[in-house]
C-alpha cells in the first residue's frame, strides 16, 4: 500500500485524464487489497496501472528527460524536414557515386 500511495502522490502533481485514470486504478487496487482480494485477482489491474504509468513517464510533459530519449520527434514538421534532408543527402550521394 505504501508504494501505491507514493505512486498516487507522484502522478497527482499533474491534472489530466491520464493521471486521473492512474489514480482511479490505484484507488481500486487499494480497495481490493483492503478487502483481502487474492494476488492473482489483482494481476490484470496491476498490469493496467503499470501500462498507464509507463505511458506517464514516457510523456515529456511529465518527464522532461523523456524528450531526450524519444526516437521520433514530437513535432511532425521537424520529421518532415529531417526526411527531406535525408532524401537530398541520398540523392547527392547517388549522383556522386554515378559520376
N, C-alpha and C. Protein backbone atom coordinates (compact mmCIF):
# COMPACT_ATOMS: atom_id res chain seq x y z
N UNK A 1 0.82 -1.20 0.00
CA UNK A 1 0.00 0.00 0.00
C UNK A 1 0.86 1.27 0.00
N UNK A 2 2.05 1.19 0.63
CA UNK A 2 2.94 2.35 0.65
C UNK A 2 3.37 2.75 -0.76
N UNK A 3 3.67 1.74 -1.58
CA UNK A 3 4.10 2.02 -2.95
C UNK A 3 2.96 2.64 -3.74
N UNK A 4 1.75 2.11 -3.56
CA UNK A 4 0.59 2.67 -4.25
C UNK A 4 0.36 4.12 -3.85
N UNK A 5 0.50 4.41 -2.56
CA UNK A 5 0.31 5.77 -2.08
C UNK A 5 1.35 6.71 -2.67
N UNK A 6 2.61 6.26 -2.70
CA UNK A 6 3.67 7.09 -3.26
C UNK A 6 3.44 7.34 -4.75
N UNK A 7 3.02 6.31 -5.47
CA UNK A 7 2.72 6.45 -6.90
C UNK A 7 1.57 7.43 -7.10
N UNK A 8 0.56 7.31 -6.28
CA UNK A 8 -0.61 8.20 -6.37
C UNK A 8 -0.19 9.65 -6.13
N UNK A 9 0.62 9.89 -5.13
CA UNK A 9 1.09 11.25 -4.84
C UNK A 9 1.94 11.80 -5.98
N UNK A 10 2.72 10.94 -6.60
CA UNK A 10 3.57 11.36 -7.72
C UNK A 10 2.75 11.81 -8.92
N UNK A 11 1.77 11.00 -9.31
CA UNK A 11 1.00 11.35 -10.52
C UNK A 11 -0.02 12.44 -10.26
N UNK A 12 -0.44 12.62 -9.00
CA UNK A 12 -1.42 13.66 -8.69
C UNK A 12 -0.87 15.07 -8.86
N UNK A 13 0.44 15.19 -9.03
CA UNK A 13 1.05 16.51 -9.25
C UNK A 13 0.55 17.13 -10.55
N UNK A 14 0.10 16.30 -11.47
CA UNK A 14 -0.40 16.77 -12.76
C UNK A 14 -1.87 16.39 -12.88
N UNK A 15 -2.67 17.30 -13.39
CA UNK A 15 -4.10 17.06 -13.51
C UNK A 15 -4.47 16.89 -14.98
N UNK A 16 -4.65 15.63 -15.38
CA UNK A 16 -5.09 15.35 -16.75
C UNK A 16 -5.79 13.99 -16.74
N UNK A 17 -6.33 13.57 -17.88
CA UNK A 17 -7.07 12.32 -17.96
C UNK A 17 -6.18 11.13 -17.60
N UNK A 18 -4.96 11.12 -18.09
CA UNK A 18 -4.05 10.00 -17.82
C UNK A 18 -3.81 9.83 -16.33
N UNK A 19 -3.50 10.92 -15.65
CA UNK A 19 -3.22 10.82 -14.21
C UNK A 19 -4.48 10.48 -13.42
N UNK A 20 -5.63 10.97 -13.88
CA UNK A 20 -6.89 10.63 -13.21
C UNK A 20 -7.18 9.13 -13.34
N UNK A 21 -6.89 8.58 -14.53
CA UNK A 21 -7.08 7.14 -14.74
C UNK A 21 -6.15 6.33 -13.83
N UNK A 22 -4.90 6.77 -13.72
CA UNK A 22 -3.95 6.07 -12.86
C UNK A 22 -4.41 6.11 -11.41
N UNK A 23 -4.83 7.28 -10.94
CA UNK A 23 -5.29 7.43 -9.56
C UNK A 23 -6.52 6.56 -9.31
N UNK A 24 -7.43 6.52 -10.26
CA UNK A 24 -8.63 5.69 -10.11
C UNK A 24 -8.27 4.21 -9.98
N UNK A 25 -7.33 3.75 -10.81
CA UNK A 25 -6.92 2.35 -10.73
C UNK A 25 -6.18 2.05 -9.43
N UNK A 26 -5.37 2.99 -8.97
CA UNK A 26 -4.66 2.82 -7.69
C UNK A 26 -5.66 2.72 -6.56
N UNK A 27 -6.67 3.59 -6.56
CA UNK A 27 -7.71 3.54 -5.53
C UNK A 27 -8.44 2.20 -5.56
N UNK A 28 -8.70 1.71 -6.76
CA UNK A 28 -9.39 0.43 -6.90
C UNK A 28 -8.54 -0.72 -6.34
N UNK A 29 -7.24 -0.70 -6.65
CA UNK A 29 -6.36 -1.75 -6.12
C UNK A 29 -6.27 -1.67 -4.60
N UNK A 30 -6.13 -0.47 -4.06
CA UNK A 30 -6.06 -0.31 -2.60
C UNK A 30 -7.33 -0.84 -1.95
N UNK A 31 -8.47 -0.55 -2.55
CA UNK A 31 -9.74 -1.02 -2.01
C UNK A 31 -9.80 -2.55 -2.03
N UNK A 32 -9.37 -3.15 -3.13
CA UNK A 32 -9.39 -4.61 -3.24
C UNK A 32 -8.40 -5.25 -2.26
N UNK A 33 -7.26 -4.61 -2.04
CA UNK A 33 -6.30 -5.13 -1.07
C UNK A 33 -6.87 -5.09 0.34
N UNK A 34 -7.55 -4.00 0.67
CA UNK A 34 -8.17 -3.87 1.99
C UNK A 34 -9.27 -4.91 2.21
N UNK A 35 -9.91 -5.32 1.12
CA UNK A 35 -10.97 -6.33 1.22
C UNK A 35 -10.42 -7.75 1.24
N UNK A 36 -9.10 -7.87 1.07
CA UNK A 36 -8.47 -9.19 1.14
C UNK A 36 -8.51 -9.98 -0.15
N UNK A 37 -8.54 -9.29 -1.29
CA UNK A 37 -8.54 -10.00 -2.57
C UNK A 37 -7.23 -10.75 -2.77
N UNK A 38 -7.31 -11.85 -3.52
CA UNK A 38 -6.12 -12.65 -3.81
C UNK A 38 -5.20 -11.91 -4.78
N UNK A 39 -3.90 -12.17 -4.64
CA UNK A 39 -2.91 -11.52 -5.51
C UNK A 39 -3.18 -11.84 -6.98
N UNK A 40 -3.57 -13.06 -7.27
CA UNK A 40 -3.82 -13.44 -8.66
C UNK A 40 -4.98 -12.66 -9.27
N UNK A 41 -5.92 -12.24 -8.45
CA UNK A 41 -7.06 -11.47 -8.95
C UNK A 41 -6.68 -10.02 -9.25
N UNK A 42 -5.52 -9.60 -8.76
CA UNK A 42 -5.08 -8.22 -8.96
C UNK A 42 -4.11 -8.06 -10.14
N UNK A 43 -3.72 -9.17 -10.76
CA UNK A 43 -2.70 -9.11 -11.82
C UNK A 43 -3.12 -8.22 -12.98
N UNK A 44 -4.34 -8.35 -13.44
CA UNK A 44 -4.81 -7.54 -14.57
C UNK A 44 -4.84 -6.06 -14.23
N UNK A 45 -5.31 -5.75 -13.04
CA UNK A 45 -5.36 -4.37 -12.58
C UNK A 45 -3.94 -3.78 -12.47
N UNK A 46 -3.03 -4.57 -11.94
CA UNK A 46 -1.64 -4.11 -11.81
C UNK A 46 -0.99 -3.90 -13.17
N UNK A 47 -1.34 -4.74 -14.12
CA UNK A 47 -0.80 -4.57 -15.47
C UNK A 47 -1.31 -3.27 -16.08
N UNK A 48 -2.57 -2.96 -15.87
CA UNK A 48 -3.13 -1.70 -16.38
C UNK A 48 -2.46 -0.50 -15.74
N UNK A 49 -2.23 -0.57 -14.42
CA UNK A 49 -1.54 0.52 -13.72
C UNK A 49 -0.13 0.68 -14.28
N UNK A 50 0.57 -0.44 -14.47
CA UNK A 50 1.94 -0.39 -15.00
C UNK A 50 1.98 0.22 -16.40
N UNK A 51 1.03 -0.19 -17.23
CA UNK A 51 0.99 0.33 -18.60
C UNK A 51 0.73 1.83 -18.62
N UNK A 52 -0.22 2.29 -17.81
CA UNK A 52 -0.51 3.72 -17.78
C UNK A 52 0.65 4.51 -17.16
N UNK A 53 1.31 3.94 -16.15
CA UNK A 53 2.44 4.64 -15.55
C UNK A 53 3.60 4.72 -16.53
N UNK A 54 3.82 3.67 -17.31
CA UNK A 54 4.86 3.71 -18.33
C UNK A 54 4.55 4.80 -19.35
N UNK A 55 3.29 4.92 -19.73
CA UNK A 55 2.88 5.99 -20.64
C UNK A 55 3.13 7.35 -20.00
N UNK A 56 2.86 7.45 -18.72
CA UNK A 56 3.07 8.69 -17.96
C UNK A 56 4.54 9.10 -17.98
N UNK A 57 5.43 8.16 -17.69
CA UNK A 57 6.85 8.53 -17.62
C UNK A 57 7.47 8.73 -18.99
N UNK A 58 6.82 8.26 -20.04
CA UNK A 58 7.32 8.48 -21.40
C UNK A 58 6.86 9.83 -21.96
N UNK A 59 5.97 10.51 -21.27
CA UNK A 59 5.42 11.77 -21.75
C UNK A 59 6.32 12.93 -21.32
N UNK A 60 6.89 13.67 -22.28
CA UNK A 60 7.79 14.78 -21.95
C UNK A 60 7.15 15.86 -21.07
N UNK A 61 5.85 16.01 -21.12
CA UNK A 61 5.18 16.99 -20.28
C UNK A 61 5.39 16.68 -18.79
N UNK A 62 5.42 15.41 -18.46
CA UNK A 62 5.58 14.98 -17.07
C UNK A 62 7.02 14.63 -16.73
N UNK A 63 7.79 14.23 -17.73
CA UNK A 63 9.17 13.80 -17.53
C UNK A 63 10.03 14.45 -18.61
N UNK A 64 10.67 15.54 -18.27
CA UNK A 64 11.43 16.31 -19.26
C UNK A 64 12.53 15.49 -19.89
N UNK A 65 13.11 14.57 -19.17
CA UNK A 65 14.19 13.75 -19.70
C UNK A 65 13.71 12.81 -20.80
N UNK A 66 12.43 12.48 -20.80
CA UNK A 66 11.88 11.57 -21.80
C UNK A 66 12.02 12.14 -23.21
N UNK A 67 11.97 13.44 -23.35
CA UNK A 67 12.09 14.07 -24.67
C UNK A 67 13.44 13.76 -25.29
N UNK A 68 14.47 13.64 -24.47
CA UNK A 68 15.81 13.32 -24.98
C UNK A 68 15.92 11.88 -25.45
N UNK A 69 15.06 11.02 -24.95
CA UNK A 69 15.13 9.60 -25.26
C UNK A 69 14.18 9.16 -26.35
N UNK A 70 13.25 10.03 -26.74
CA UNK A 70 12.29 9.67 -27.78
C UNK A 70 13.00 9.52 -29.12
N UNK A 71 12.66 8.45 -29.84
CA UNK A 71 13.27 8.23 -31.14
C UNK A 71 12.58 9.06 -32.22
N UNK A 72 11.30 9.28 -32.06
CA UNK A 72 10.53 10.06 -33.03
C UNK A 72 10.26 11.43 -32.43
N UNK A 73 10.55 12.49 -33.16
CA UNK A 73 10.30 13.83 -32.61
C UNK A 73 8.81 14.07 -32.35
N UNK A 74 8.53 14.85 -31.33
CA UNK A 74 7.14 15.18 -31.00
C UNK A 74 6.51 16.07 -32.08
N UNK A 75 7.32 16.91 -32.71
CA UNK A 75 6.83 17.85 -33.71
C UNK A 75 6.90 17.20 -35.10
N UNK A 76 5.76 16.90 -35.72
CA UNK A 76 5.76 16.23 -37.03
C UNK A 76 6.44 17.06 -38.12
N UNK A 77 6.41 18.38 -38.01
CA UNK A 77 7.05 19.20 -39.04
C UNK A 77 8.56 18.99 -39.04
N UNK A 78 9.15 18.77 -37.88
CA UNK A 78 10.59 18.51 -37.84
C UNK A 78 10.91 17.16 -38.46
N UNK A 79 9.97 16.21 -38.38
CA UNK A 79 10.15 14.92 -39.00
C UNK A 79 10.16 15.07 -40.52
N UNK A 80 9.27 15.90 -41.05
CA UNK A 80 9.24 16.14 -42.49
C UNK A 80 10.53 16.80 -42.96
N UNK A 81 11.03 17.75 -42.18
CA UNK A 81 12.28 18.42 -42.54
C UNK A 81 13.43 17.43 -42.55
N UNK A 82 13.46 16.53 -41.57
CA UNK A 82 14.53 15.55 -41.48
C UNK A 82 14.46 14.57 -42.65
N UNK A 83 13.25 14.13 -43.01
CA UNK A 83 13.13 13.19 -44.12
C UNK A 83 13.47 13.86 -45.44
N UNK A 84 13.14 15.14 -45.61
CA UNK A 84 13.51 15.88 -46.80
C UNK A 84 15.02 15.99 -46.90
N UNK A 85 15.67 16.28 -45.80
CA UNK A 85 17.13 16.36 -45.77
C UNK A 85 17.76 15.02 -46.12
N UNK A 86 17.17 13.95 -45.62
CA UNK A 86 17.69 12.61 -45.90
C UNK A 86 17.58 12.29 -47.38
N UNK A 87 16.47 12.69 -48.00
CA UNK A 87 16.30 12.46 -49.44
C UNK A 87 17.34 13.25 -50.22
N UNK A 88 17.57 14.49 -49.84
CA UNK A 88 18.57 15.32 -50.52
C UNK A 88 19.95 14.70 -50.39
N UNK A 89 20.31 14.27 -49.20
CA UNK A 89 21.62 13.66 -48.98
C UNK A 89 21.75 12.38 -49.79
N UNK A 90 20.71 11.55 -49.81
CA UNK A 90 20.75 10.30 -50.58
C UNK A 90 20.90 10.58 -52.07
N UNK A 91 20.21 11.60 -52.57
CA UNK A 91 20.29 11.96 -53.98
C UNK A 91 21.70 12.44 -54.32
N UNK A 92 22.28 13.26 -53.48
CA UNK A 92 23.64 13.78 -53.71
C UNK A 92 24.63 12.62 -53.71
N UNK A 93 24.51 11.72 -52.77
CA UNK A 93 25.40 10.56 -52.70
C UNK A 93 25.28 9.70 -53.96
N UNK A 94 24.05 9.50 -54.41
CA UNK A 94 23.83 8.69 -55.62
C UNK A 94 24.46 9.38 -56.83
N UNK A 95 24.32 10.71 -56.93
CA UNK A 95 24.91 11.45 -58.03
C UNK A 95 26.43 11.40 -58.00
N UNK A 96 27.00 11.49 -56.82
CA UNK A 96 28.45 11.48 -56.69
C UNK A 96 29.02 10.09 -57.05
N UNK A 97 28.33 9.05 -56.67
CA UNK A 97 28.84 7.71 -56.97
C UNK A 97 28.64 7.34 -58.43
N UNK A 98 27.69 7.95 -59.12
CA UNK A 98 27.46 7.63 -60.54
C UNK A 98 28.39 8.43 -61.45
N UNK A 99 29.06 9.47 -60.92
CA UNK A 99 29.95 10.28 -61.76
C UNK A 99 31.30 9.65 -61.92
